[in-house]
């Protein structure tokens, strides 16, 4: 009988294993694509609400609809697997990396809107207000939503057992 691992892997271990498959298999490999899709789905499921709370609790909310901003961020961030490989080599906590990425995404949208305004082109983003900045309220809202997500997942797993 194989040994039983009484200490299951953490999400960080699972994420690292998926990134190792992506990194070692290379672009276009079936295993890399499957690992990337699984990892992208996991990140969106786990961090959608915390990022939404971060947007709502900071000046980023002025950049647009929170759901649209988070969806756009994930679409941009997850457009290439190397974005996650860059995170792994950064040594930062994933949630901090995602919060920084969300803020950068909104600043990029603001810059694009300013460029469109300068060229005389109007769009929905050009009506937005001042430059977003990190606010402790947004970070606190993110941390609360993230913690609530973890507690809910633990409760579901415990209840299922």
C-alpha atoms as a PDB file:
ATOM      1  CA  UNK A   1       0.000   0.000   0.000  1.00  0.00           C
ATOM      2  CA  UNK A   2       1.443   3.422  -0.956  1.00  0.00           C
ATOM      3  CA  UNK A   3       2.246   5.843   1.858  1.00  0.00           C
ATOM      4  CA  UNK A   4      -0.486   8.313   2.748  1.00  0.00           C
ATOM      5  CA  UNK A   5       0.365  11.995   2.736  1.00  0.00           C
ATOM      6  CA  UNK A   6      -1.415  13.400   5.762  1.00  0.00           C
ATOM      7  CA  UNK A   7      -0.284  16.895   4.874  1.00  0.00           C
ATOM      8  CA  UNK A   8      -1.817  17.672   1.485  1.00  0.00           C
ATOM      9  CA  UNK A   9      -0.119  20.118  -0.801  1.00  0.00           C
ATOM     10  CA  UNK A  10      -0.953  23.769  -0.425  1.00  0.00           C
ATOM     11  CA  UNK A  11      -2.363  25.840  -3.228  1.00  0.00           C
ATOM     12  CA  UNK A  12       1.105  27.364  -3.616  1.00  0.00           C
ATOM     13  CA  UNK A  13       2.534  23.883  -4.158  1.00  0.00           C
ATOM     14  CA  UNK A  14      -0.176  23.074  -6.708  1.00  0.00           C
ATOM     15  CA  UNK A  15       0.341  26.404  -8.501  1.00  0.00           C
ATOM     16  CA  UNK A  16       4.096  25.811  -8.599  1.00  0.00           C
ATOM     17  CA  UNK A  17       3.557  22.300 -10.011  1.00  0.00           C
ATOM     18  CA  UNK A  18       1.348  23.713 -12.789  1.00  0.00           C
ATOM     19  CA  UNK A  19       3.928  26.387 -13.588  1.00  0.00           C
ATOM     20  CA  UNK A  20       6.659  23.736 -13.733  1.00  0.00           C
ATOM     21  CA  UNK A  21       4.604  21.785 -16.298  1.00  0.00           C
ATOM     22  CA  UNK A  22       4.107  24.986 -18.340  1.00  0.00           C
ATOM     23  CA  UNK A  23       7.775  25.940 -18.116  1.00  0.00           C
ATOM     24  CA  UNK A  24       9.170  22.504 -18.936  1.00  0.00           C
ATOM     25  CA  UNK A  25       6.669  21.489 -21.622  1.00  0.00           C
ATOM     26  CA  UNK A  26       7.043  24.691 -23.632  1.00  0.00           C
ATOM     27  CA  UNK A  27       4.595  26.637 -25.762  1.00  0.00           C
ATOM     28  CA  UNK A  28       1.986  24.681 -27.641  1.00  0.00           C
ATOM     29  CA  UNK A  29       2.445  21.430 -25.722  1.00  0.00           C
ATOM     30  CA  UNK A  30      -0.798  19.722 -24.741  1.00  0.00           C
ATOM     31  CA  UNK A  31       0.315  19.293 -21.123  1.00  0.00           C
ATOM     32  CA  UNK A  32       1.330  22.943 -20.865  1.00  0.00           C
ATOM     33  CA  UNK A  33      -1.969  24.114 -22.333  1.00  0.00           C
ATOM     34  CA  UNK A  34      -3.979  21.929 -19.949  1.00  0.00           C
ATOM     35  CA  UNK A  35      -1.941  23.101 -16.939  1.00  0.00           C
ATOM     36  CA  UNK A  36      -2.332  26.729 -17.979  1.00  0.00           C
ATOM     37  CA  UNK A  37      -6.116  26.438 -18.456  1.00  0.00           C
ATOM     38  CA  UNK A  38      -6.488  24.746 -15.073  1.00  0.00           C
ATOM     39  CA  UNK A  39      -4.302  27.331 -13.383  1.00  0.00           C
ATOM     40  CA  UNK A  40      -6.086  30.271 -15.058  1.00  0.00           C
ATOM     41  CA  UNK A  41      -9.482  28.902 -13.984  1.00  0.00           C
ATOM     42  CA  UNK A  42      -8.233  28.446 -10.416  1.00  0.00           C
ATOM     43  CA  UNK A  43      -6.840  31.995 -10.231  1.00  0.00           C
ATOM     44  CA  UNK A  44     -10.002  33.562 -11.646  1.00  0.00           C
ATOM     45  CA  UNK A  45     -12.240  31.573  -9.291  1.00  0.00           C
ATOM     46  CA  UNK A  46     -10.169  32.348  -6.212  1.00  0.00           C
ATOM     47  CA  UNK A  47      -9.213  35.981  -6.887  1.00  0.00           C
ATOM     48  CA  UNK A  48     -12.185  37.441  -8.807  1.00  0.00           C
ATOM     49  CA  UNK A  49     -14.045  38.607  -5.687  1.00  0.00           C
ATOM     50  CA  UNK A  50     -10.957  39.804  -3.780  1.00  0.00           C
ATOM     51  CA  UNK A  51      -9.845  41.870  -6.795  1.00  0.00           C
ATOM     52  CA  UNK A  52     -13.367  43.241  -7.176  1.00  0.00           C
ATOM     53  CA  UNK A  53     -13.300  44.278  -3.494  1.00  0.00           C
ATOM     54  CA  UNK A  54      -9.901  45.882  -4.051  1.00  0.00           C
ATOM     55  CA  UNK A  55     -11.251  47.948  -6.944  1.00  0.00           C
ATOM     56  CA  UNK A  56     -14.360  48.986  -5.004  1.00  0.00           C
ATOM     57  CA  UNK A  57     -12.316  49.969  -1.939  1.00  0.00           C
ATOM     58  CA  UNK A  58      -9.840  52.171  -3.768  1.00  0.00           C
ATOM     59  CA  UNK A  59      -9.688  54.987  -6.293  1.00  0.00           C
ATOM     60  CA  UNK A  60      -9.543  52.291  -8.981  1.00  0.00           C
ATOM     61  CA  UNK A  61     -13.368  52.219  -8.841  1.00  0.00           C
ATOM     62  CA  UNK A  62     -13.308  55.467 -10.838  1.00  0.00           C
ATOM     63  CA  UNK A  63     -11.717  53.653 -13.771  1.00  0.00           C
ATOM     64  CA  UNK A  64     -14.898  51.754 -14.617  1.00  0.00           C
ATOM     65  CA  UNK A  65     -17.185  48.906 -13.682  1.00  0.00           C
ATOM     66  CA  UNK A  66     -15.371  46.620 -11.190  1.00  0.00           C
ATOM     67  CA  UNK A  67     -16.506  43.411 -12.908  1.00  0.00           C
ATOM     68  CA  UNK A  68     -15.329  44.705 -16.290  1.00  0.00           C
ATOM     69  CA  UNK A  69     -12.008  45.890 -14.855  1.00  0.00           C
ATOM     70  CA  UNK A  70     -11.297  42.535 -13.176  1.00  0.00           C
ATOM     71  CA  UNK A  71     -12.322  40.580 -16.277  1.00  0.00           C
ATOM     72  CA  UNK A  72     -10.140  42.807 -18.457  1.00  0.00           C
ATOM     73  CA  UNK A  73      -7.240  42.405 -16.059  1.00  0.00           C
ATOM     74  CA  UNK A  74      -7.497  38.608 -16.145  1.00  0.00           C
ATOM     75  CA  UNK A  75      -7.821  38.624 -19.931  1.00  0.00           C
ATOM     76  CA  UNK A  76      -4.655  40.710 -20.206  1.00  0.00           C
ATOM     77  CA  UNK A  77      -2.720  39.009 -17.400  1.00  0.00           C
ATOM     78  CA  UNK A  78      -3.548  35.489 -18.520  1.00  0.00           C
ATOM     79  CA  UNK A  79      -2.999  36.174 -22.215  1.00  0.00           C
ATOM     80  CA  UNK A  80       0.385  34.454 -21.950  1.00  0.00           C
ATOM     81  CA  UNK A  81       1.682  31.840 -19.506  1.00  0.00           C
ATOM     82  CA  UNK A  82       4.934  33.772 -19.050  1.00  0.00           C
ATOM     83  CA  UNK A  83       3.094  36.316 -16.884  1.00  0.00           C
ATOM     84  CA  UNK A  84       2.707  33.639 -14.231  1.00  0.00           C
ATOM     85  CA  UNK A  85       6.292  32.519 -14.682  1.00  0.00           C
ATOM     86  CA  UNK A  86       7.381  36.142 -14.054  1.00  0.00           C
ATOM     87  CA  UNK A  87       5.343  36.124 -10.848  1.00  0.00           C
ATOM     88  CA  UNK A  88       7.034  32.935  -9.672  1.00  0.00           C
ATOM     89  CA  UNK A  89      10.495  34.406 -10.208  1.00  0.00           C
ATOM     90  CA  UNK A  90       9.536  37.662  -8.432  1.00  0.00           C
ATOM     91  CA  UNK A  91       9.299  36.086  -4.973  1.00  0.00           C
ATOM     92  CA  UNK A  92       6.197  38.190  -4.187  1.00  0.00           C
ATOM     93  CA  UNK A  93       3.024  36.809  -2.666  1.00  0.00           C
ATOM     94  CA  UNK A  94       0.556  36.043  -5.428  1.00  0.00           C
ATOM     95  CA  UNK A  95      -2.155  38.220  -3.961  1.00  0.00           C
ATOM     96  CA  UNK A  96       0.203  41.218  -3.794  1.00  0.00           C
ATOM     97  CA  UNK A  97       1.335  40.532  -7.378  1.00  0.00           C
ATOM     98  CA  UNK A  98      -2.290  40.461  -8.526  1.00  0.00           C
ATOM     99  CA  UNK A  99      -3.166  43.658  -6.650  1.00  0.00           C
ATOM    100  CA  UNK A 100      -0.189  45.442  -8.209  1.00  0.00           C
ATOM    101  CA  UNK A 101      -1.170  44.063 -11.601  1.00  0.00           C
ATOM    102  CA  UNK A 102      -4.745  45.292 -11.148  1.00  0.00           C
ATOM    103  CA  UNK A 103      -3.528  48.795 -10.258  1.00  0.00           C
ATOM    104  CA  UNK A 104      -1.157  48.797 -13.244  1.00  0.00           C
ATOM    105  CA  UNK A 105      -3.969  47.592 -15.526  1.00  0.00           C
ATOM    106  CA  UNK A 106      -6.194  50.480 -14.425  1.00  0.00           C
ATOM    107  CA  UNK A 107      -3.359  53.011 -14.867  1.00  0.00           C
ATOM    108  CA  UNK A 108      -2.826  51.654 -18.377  1.00  0.00           C
ATOM    109  CA  UNK A 109      -6.524  52.110 -19.140  1.00  0.00           C
ATOM    110  CA  UNK A 110      -6.291  55.685 -17.853  1.00  0.00           C
ATOM    111  CA  UNK A 111      -3.243  56.393 -20.003  1.00  0.00           C
ATOM    112  CA  UNK A 112      -4.979  54.970 -23.050  1.00  0.00           C
ATOM    113  CA  UNK A 113      -8.040  57.116 -22.330  1.00  0.00           C
ATOM    114  CA  UNK A 114      -5.848  60.210 -22.008  1.00  0.00           C
ATOM    115  CA  UNK A 115      -4.196  59.425 -25.353  1.00  0.00           C
ATOM    116  CA  UNK A 116      -7.611  59.014 -26.978  1.00  0.00           C
ATOM    117  CA  UNK A 117      -8.701  62.354 -25.514  1.00  0.00           C
ATOM    118  CA  UNK A 118      -5.578  64.048 -26.875  1.00  0.00           C
ATOM    119  CA  UNK A 119      -6.325  62.660 -30.311  1.00  0.00           C
ATOM    120  CA  UNK A 120      -9.919  63.836 -30.075  1.00  0.00           C
ATOM    121  CA  UNK A 121     -11.330  60.334 -29.866  1.00  0.00           C
ATOM    122  CA  UNK A 122     -14.024  59.819 -27.226  1.00  0.00           C
ATOM    123  CA  UNK A 123     -14.853  56.538 -25.583  1.00  0.00           C
ATOM    124  CA  UNK A 124     -16.322  55.326 -22.312  1.00  0.00           C
ATOM    125  CA  UNK A 125     -12.955  55.318 -20.547  1.00  0.00           C
ATOM    126  CA  UNK A 126     -12.182  58.936 -21.382  1.00  0.00           C
ATOM    127  CA  UNK A 127     -14.955  60.107 -19.061  1.00  0.00           C
ATOM    128  CA  UNK A 128     -13.207  58.594 -16.007  1.00  0.00           C
ATOM    129  CA  UNK A 129     -11.769  60.767 -13.244  1.00  0.00           C
ATOM    130  CA  UNK A 130      -8.314  61.238 -11.727  1.00  0.00           C
ATOM    131  CA  UNK A 131      -5.375  58.843 -11.821  1.00  0.00           C
ATOM    132  CA  UNK A 132      -6.011  55.820  -9.573  1.00  0.00           C
ATOM    133  CA  UNK A 133      -3.671  55.212  -6.678  1.00  0.00           C
ATOM    134  CA  UNK A 134      -3.158  52.448  -4.127  1.00  0.00           C
ATOM    135  CA  UNK A 135      -5.318  53.018  -1.090  1.00  0.00           C
ATOM    136  CA  UNK A 136      -5.139  51.064   2.114  1.00  0.00           C
ATOM    137  CA  UNK A 137      -8.946  50.671   2.057  1.00  0.00           C
ATOM    138  CA  UNK A 138      -8.761  48.776  -1.219  1.00  0.00           C
ATOM    139  CA  UNK A 139      -5.976  46.550   0.030  1.00  0.00           C
ATOM    140  CA  UNK A 140      -7.897  45.845   3.233  1.00  0.00           C
ATOM    141  CA  UNK A 141     -11.039  45.024   1.267  1.00  0.00           C
ATOM    142  CA  UNK A 142      -8.995  42.654  -0.906  1.00  0.00           C
ATOM    143  CA  UNK A 143      -7.518  40.916   2.144  1.00  0.00           C
ATOM    144  CA  UNK A 144     -10.962  40.521   3.752  1.00  0.00           C
ATOM    145  CA  UNK A 145     -12.524  39.125   0.567  1.00  0.00           C
ATOM    146  CA  UNK A 146      -9.550  36.818   0.018  1.00  0.00           C
ATOM    147  CA  UNK A 147      -9.711  35.525   3.601  1.00  0.00           C
ATOM    148  CA  UNK A 148     -13.470  35.000   3.314  1.00  0.00           C
ATOM    149  CA  UNK A 149     -12.930  33.030   0.096  1.00  0.00           C
ATOM    150  CA  UNK A 150     -10.406  30.764   1.859  1.00  0.00           C
ATOM    151  CA  UNK A 151     -12.688  30.216   4.855  1.00  0.00           C
ATOM    152  CA  UNK A 152     -15.609  29.373   2.576  1.00  0.00           C
ATOM    153  CA  UNK A 153     -13.491  26.867   0.633  1.00  0.00           C
ATOM    154  CA  UNK A 154     -12.294  25.272   3.883  1.00  0.00           C
ATOM    155  CA  UNK A 155     -15.888  25.089   5.137  1.00  0.00           C
ATOM    156  CA  UNK A 156     -17.066  23.428   1.916  1.00  0.00           C
ATOM    157  CA  UNK A 157     -14.236  20.899   2.046  1.00  0.00           C
ATOM    158  CA  UNK A 158     -14.892  20.129   5.718  1.00  0.00           C
ATOM    159  CA  UNK A 159     -18.617  19.827   5.136  1.00  0.00           C
ATOM    160  CA  UNK A 160     -18.039  17.497   2.188  1.00  0.00           C
ATOM    161  CA  UNK A 161     -15.868  15.205   4.330  1.00  0.00           C
END
